[in-house]
Amino acid sequence: MTADQQPIFMDDPTSKKFMEWVYSNVTCPEQAKNLGVEGKVIIRFIIDEDGKLIDPEVIKSDNPLLDEAALSAIENCPEWAPGKYKGKPVKVYFAMPVTFKLN
């Protein structure tokens, strides 16, 4: 969807706060840790006209265990300031990677 003003998370137009929020809320599953599973999950979602994150889905997966953890974190995201087109709120698609790396 087209927007001349992108959605904004926590008053940060750079998306840095969103990335920080995701990584502070995602937890690597114990089973994945025990199996030594690392990888990347790419999640696509929509920020709707009300600023709610809706319809998250995995579009790239390295392991189903990681998919669940990434989706769970994203689904609990606080509201955004919605994107706008010609001054009216619109839905906007986003995609973001969530990387799981064991220390």
N, C-alpha and C. Protein backbone atom coordinates (compact mmCIF):
# COMPACT_ATOMS: atom_id res chain seq x y z
N MET A 1 0.83 -1.17 0.00
CA MET A 1 0.00 0.00 0.00
C MET A 1 0.88 1.24 0.00
N THR A 2 0.43 2.26 -0.63
CA THR A 2 1.23 3.47 -0.77
C THR A 2 0.96 4.43 0.38
N ALA A 3 2.04 5.00 0.89
CA ALA A 3 1.91 5.99 1.96
C ALA A 3 2.92 7.10 1.70
N ASP A 4 2.48 8.32 1.87
CA ASP A 4 3.45 9.40 1.76
C ASP A 4 4.05 9.72 3.13
N GLN A 5 3.45 9.15 4.18
CA GLN A 5 4.01 9.23 5.53
C GLN A 5 3.99 7.82 6.10
N GLN A 6 5.16 7.26 6.36
CA GLN A 6 5.26 5.90 6.86
C GLN A 6 4.80 5.82 8.32
N PRO A 7 4.33 4.64 8.76
CA PRO A 7 4.01 4.45 10.17
C PRO A 7 5.24 4.69 11.04
N ILE A 8 5.01 5.16 12.24
CA ILE A 8 6.11 5.46 13.16
C ILE A 8 5.88 4.73 14.48
N PHE A 9 6.93 4.05 14.95
CA PHE A 9 6.89 3.31 16.21
C PHE A 9 7.54 4.15 17.30
N MET A 10 6.80 4.41 18.37
CA MET A 10 7.31 5.14 19.54
C MET A 10 8.05 6.42 19.15
N ASP A 11 7.46 7.20 18.28
CA ASP A 11 8.01 8.50 17.86
C ASP A 11 9.40 8.41 17.23
N ASP A 12 9.75 7.25 16.68
CA ASP A 12 11.07 7.07 16.06
C ASP A 12 10.92 6.73 14.58
N PRO A 13 11.13 7.68 13.70
CA PRO A 13 10.96 7.41 12.26
C PRO A 13 12.05 6.52 11.66
N THR A 14 13.09 6.20 12.43
CA THR A 14 14.19 5.38 11.90
C THR A 14 13.96 3.89 12.06
N SER A 15 12.98 3.46 12.80
CA SER A 15 12.68 2.05 13.11
C SER A 15 13.66 1.44 14.10
N LYS A 16 14.62 2.21 14.60
CA LYS A 16 15.58 1.68 15.58
C LYS A 16 14.87 1.21 16.86
N LYS A 17 13.92 2.01 17.35
CA LYS A 17 13.20 1.62 18.57
C LYS A 17 12.38 0.36 18.34
N PHE A 18 11.85 0.19 17.14
CA PHE A 18 11.09 -1.02 16.85
C PHE A 18 12.00 -2.24 16.90
N MET A 19 13.17 -2.15 16.27
CA MET A 19 14.12 -3.27 16.29
C MET A 19 14.54 -3.59 17.73
N GLU A 20 14.82 -2.55 18.51
CA GLU A 20 15.18 -2.76 19.91
C GLU A 20 14.05 -3.43 20.67
N TRP A 21 12.81 -2.98 20.40
CA TRP A 21 11.66 -3.57 21.09
C TRP A 21 11.53 -5.06 20.74
N VAL A 22 11.65 -5.37 19.46
CA VAL A 22 11.53 -6.77 19.03
C VAL A 22 12.59 -7.61 19.71
N TYR A 23 13.84 -7.19 19.64
CA TYR A 23 14.92 -8.01 20.20
C TYR A 23 14.87 -8.09 21.72
N SER A 24 14.26 -7.14 22.39
CA SER A 24 14.12 -7.25 23.84
C SER A 24 12.92 -8.12 24.22
N ASN A 25 12.05 -8.42 23.25
CA ASN A 25 10.85 -9.21 23.54
C ASN A 25 10.85 -10.60 22.90
N VAL A 26 11.84 -10.91 22.10
CA VAL A 26 11.91 -12.23 21.49
C VAL A 26 12.81 -13.12 22.36
N THR A 27 12.40 -14.36 22.51
CA THR A 27 13.15 -15.31 23.31
C THR A 27 13.42 -16.55 22.48
N CYS A 28 14.67 -16.95 22.43
CA CYS A 28 15.02 -18.17 21.70
C CYS A 28 14.47 -19.37 22.48
N PRO A 29 13.73 -20.24 21.82
CA PRO A 29 13.16 -21.40 22.50
C PRO A 29 14.24 -22.33 23.06
N GLU A 30 13.99 -22.88 24.22
CA GLU A 30 14.95 -23.80 24.86
C GLU A 30 15.31 -24.96 23.95
N GLN A 31 14.31 -25.49 23.26
CA GLN A 31 14.57 -26.62 22.36
C GLN A 31 15.55 -26.22 21.26
N ALA A 32 15.40 -25.03 20.74
CA ALA A 32 16.32 -24.55 19.71
C ALA A 32 17.72 -24.39 20.28
N LYS A 33 17.82 -23.85 21.50
CA LYS A 33 19.13 -23.72 22.16
C LYS A 33 19.77 -25.09 22.34
N ASN A 34 18.99 -26.04 22.84
CA ASN A 34 19.52 -27.39 23.10
C ASN A 34 19.99 -28.08 21.82
N LEU A 35 19.34 -27.78 20.72
CA LEU A 35 19.71 -28.40 19.44
C LEU A 35 20.76 -27.58 18.68
N GLY A 36 21.14 -26.41 19.24
CA GLY A 36 22.12 -25.57 18.58
C GLY A 36 21.59 -24.88 17.33
N VAL A 37 20.29 -24.63 17.30
CA VAL A 37 19.66 -24.04 16.12
C VAL A 37 19.85 -22.52 16.11
N GLU A 38 20.38 -22.01 15.00
CA GLU A 38 20.51 -20.59 14.75
C GLU A 38 19.84 -20.30 13.41
N GLY A 39 19.59 -19.05 13.14
CA GLY A 39 19.03 -18.72 11.83
C GLY A 39 18.29 -17.41 11.82
N LYS A 40 17.66 -17.17 10.69
CA LYS A 40 16.93 -15.93 10.47
C LYS A 40 15.50 -16.25 10.07
N VAL A 41 14.60 -15.46 10.60
CA VAL A 41 13.19 -15.54 10.25
C VAL A 41 12.81 -14.16 9.70
N ILE A 42 12.17 -14.12 8.57
CA ILE A 42 11.67 -12.85 8.05
C ILE A 42 10.16 -12.84 8.20
N ILE A 43 9.69 -11.82 8.90
CA ILE A 43 8.27 -11.67 9.20
C ILE A 43 7.73 -10.51 8.38
N ARG A 44 6.59 -10.73 7.73
CA ARG A 44 5.87 -9.64 7.04
C ARG A 44 4.61 -9.36 7.84
N PHE A 45 4.26 -8.09 7.93
CA PHE A 45 3.07 -7.70 8.68
C PHE A 45 2.53 -6.39 8.12
N ILE A 46 1.38 -6.02 8.61
CA ILE A 46 0.73 -4.77 8.20
C ILE A 46 0.54 -3.90 9.43
N ILE A 47 0.81 -2.61 9.27
CA ILE A 47 0.38 -1.63 10.27
C ILE A 47 -0.90 -1.03 9.69
N ASP A 48 -2.02 -1.26 10.38
CA ASP A 48 -3.31 -0.85 9.82
C ASP A 48 -3.60 0.64 10.07
N GLU A 49 -4.79 1.05 9.66
CA GLU A 49 -5.19 2.46 9.76
C GLU A 49 -5.28 2.97 11.20
N ASP A 50 -5.39 2.04 12.15
CA ASP A 50 -5.45 2.42 13.56
C ASP A 50 -4.09 2.31 14.25
N GLY A 51 -3.05 1.90 13.50
CA GLY A 51 -1.72 1.76 14.08
C GLY A 51 -1.46 0.40 14.71
N LYS A 52 -2.38 -0.53 14.47
CA LYS A 52 -2.20 -1.88 15.03
C LYS A 52 -1.39 -2.75 14.06
N LEU A 53 -0.51 -3.57 14.63
CA LEU A 53 0.23 -4.53 13.83
C LEU A 53 -0.67 -5.74 13.63
N ILE A 54 -0.98 -6.06 12.37
CA ILE A 54 -1.90 -7.16 12.07
C ILE A 54 -1.28 -8.11 11.04
N ASP A 55 -1.85 -9.28 10.96
CA ASP A 55 -1.52 -10.29 9.96
C ASP A 55 -0.03 -10.63 9.83
N PRO A 56 0.67 -10.83 10.97
CA PRO A 56 2.07 -11.21 10.83
C PRO A 56 2.18 -12.61 10.24
N GLU A 57 3.15 -12.79 9.35
CA GLU A 57 3.37 -14.10 8.76
C GLU A 57 4.85 -14.28 8.45
N VAL A 58 5.29 -15.52 8.52
CA VAL A 58 6.67 -15.86 8.18
C VAL A 58 6.77 -15.96 6.67
N ILE A 59 7.72 -15.21 6.08
CA ILE A 59 7.93 -15.31 4.64
C ILE A 59 9.27 -15.97 4.30
N LYS A 60 10.14 -16.11 5.31
CA LYS A 60 11.37 -16.86 5.14
C LYS A 60 11.69 -17.52 6.47
N SER A 61 12.00 -18.80 6.41
CA SER A 61 12.22 -19.55 7.63
C SER A 61 13.47 -20.42 7.53
N ASP A 62 14.28 -20.38 8.59
CA ASP A 62 15.40 -21.31 8.68
C ASP A 62 15.05 -22.50 9.57
N ASN A 63 14.05 -22.32 10.46
CA ASN A 63 13.65 -23.41 11.35
C ASN A 63 12.30 -23.06 11.99
N PRO A 64 11.35 -24.00 12.00
CA PRO A 64 10.02 -23.73 12.59
C PRO A 64 10.07 -23.34 14.07
N LEU A 65 11.05 -23.82 14.82
CA LEU A 65 11.15 -23.43 16.23
C LEU A 65 11.39 -21.92 16.35
N LEU A 66 12.18 -21.38 15.46
CA LEU A 66 12.47 -19.95 15.49
C LEU A 66 11.29 -19.14 15.01
N ASP A 67 10.54 -19.69 14.06
CA ASP A 67 9.35 -19.00 13.53
C ASP A 67 8.38 -18.64 14.64
N GLU A 68 8.09 -19.62 15.48
CA GLU A 68 7.13 -19.40 16.57
C GLU A 68 7.59 -18.29 17.51
N ALA A 69 8.87 -18.29 17.85
CA ALA A 69 9.40 -17.29 18.77
C ALA A 69 9.31 -15.89 18.16
N ALA A 70 9.67 -15.77 16.89
CA ALA A 70 9.62 -14.47 16.22
C ALA A 70 8.18 -13.97 16.10
N LEU A 71 7.27 -14.84 15.69
CA LEU A 71 5.86 -14.44 15.56
C LEU A 71 5.27 -14.03 16.90
N SER A 72 5.59 -14.78 17.94
CA SER A 72 5.07 -14.48 19.27
C SER A 72 5.47 -13.08 19.72
N ALA A 73 6.71 -12.71 19.49
CA ALA A 73 7.17 -11.37 19.88
C ALA A 73 6.46 -10.30 19.06
N ILE A 74 6.41 -10.47 17.76
CA ILE A 74 5.80 -9.47 16.87
C ILE A 74 4.32 -9.28 17.18
N GLU A 75 3.61 -10.36 17.47
CA GLU A 75 2.17 -10.29 17.71
C GLU A 75 1.82 -9.43 18.92
N ASN A 76 2.76 -9.24 19.82
CA ASN A 76 2.49 -8.46 21.04
C ASN A 76 2.99 -7.02 20.94
N CYS A 77 3.24 -6.56 19.75
CA CYS A 77 3.78 -5.22 19.53
C CYS A 77 2.78 -4.14 19.92
N PRO A 78 3.28 -3.09 20.60
CA PRO A 78 2.41 -1.94 20.89
C PRO A 78 2.00 -1.23 19.59
N GLU A 79 1.04 -0.34 19.72
CA GLU A 79 0.53 0.39 18.55
C GLU A 79 1.55 1.38 18.01
N TRP A 80 1.42 1.65 16.73
CA TRP A 80 2.24 2.62 16.02
C TRP A 80 1.38 3.84 15.69
N ALA A 81 2.02 4.91 15.24
CA ALA A 81 1.28 6.00 14.59
C ALA A 81 1.09 5.50 13.17
N PRO A 82 -0.14 5.45 12.66
CA PRO A 82 -0.38 4.86 11.34
C PRO A 82 0.26 5.65 10.20
N GLY A 83 0.49 4.95 9.10
CA GLY A 83 0.95 5.62 7.89
C GLY A 83 -0.20 6.41 7.30
N LYS A 84 0.14 7.38 6.46
CA LYS A 84 -0.90 8.21 5.86
C LYS A 84 -0.62 8.42 4.38
N TYR A 85 -1.70 8.54 3.65
CA TYR A 85 -1.63 8.90 2.24
C TYR A 85 -2.59 10.04 2.02
N LYS A 86 -2.07 11.17 1.59
CA LYS A 86 -2.87 12.38 1.41
C LYS A 86 -3.65 12.74 2.68
N GLY A 87 -2.98 12.54 3.82
CA GLY A 87 -3.56 12.91 5.10
C GLY A 87 -4.50 11.88 5.73
N LYS A 88 -4.80 10.80 5.01
CA LYS A 88 -5.70 9.78 5.55
C LYS A 88 -4.91 8.54 5.95
N PRO A 89 -5.23 7.94 7.12
CA PRO A 89 -4.54 6.73 7.54
C PRO A 89 -4.75 5.59 6.54
N VAL A 90 -3.67 4.84 6.27
CA VAL A 90 -3.72 3.70 5.36
C VAL A 90 -2.94 2.53 5.94
N LYS A 91 -3.23 1.34 5.42
CA LYS A 91 -2.46 0.15 5.79
C LYS A 91 -1.12 0.19 5.06
N VAL A 92 -0.07 -0.24 5.77
CA VAL A 92 1.26 -0.28 5.18
C VAL A 92 1.93 -1.61 5.53
N TYR A 93 2.47 -2.28 4.50
CA TYR A 93 3.20 -3.53 4.70
C TYR A 93 4.62 -3.25 5.17
N PHE A 94 5.11 -4.13 6.03
CA PHE A 94 6.50 -4.12 6.48
C PHE A 94 7.02 -5.55 6.45
N ALA A 95 8.33 -5.68 6.34
CA ALA A 95 8.99 -6.97 6.52
C ALA A 95 10.23 -6.70 7.35
N MET A 96 10.52 -7.61 8.27
CA MET A 96 11.72 -7.44 9.07
C MET A 96 12.34 -8.77 9.41
N PRO A 97 13.67 -8.81 9.44
CA PRO A 97 14.35 -10.04 9.83
C PRO A 97 14.50 -10.11 11.35
N VAL A 98 14.41 -11.30 11.88
CA VAL A 98 14.72 -11.57 13.28
C VAL A 98 15.79 -12.67 13.25
N THR A 99 16.97 -12.33 13.74
CA THR A 99 18.10 -13.26 13.69
C THR A 99 18.31 -13.89 15.06
N PHE A 100 18.48 -15.20 15.06
CA PHE A 100 18.74 -15.95 16.28
C PHE A 100 20.17 -16.48 16.19
N LYS A 101 21.00 -16.07 17.16
CA LYS A 101 22.39 -16.50 17.16
C LYS A 101 22.75 -16.93 18.57
N LEU A 102 23.30 -18.12 18.69
CA LEU A 102 23.71 -18.62 20.01
C LEU A 102 25.07 -18.05 20.36
N ASN A 103 25.28 -17.79 21.63
CA ASN A 103 26.59 -17.24 22.06
C ASN A 103 27.60 -18.34 22.26
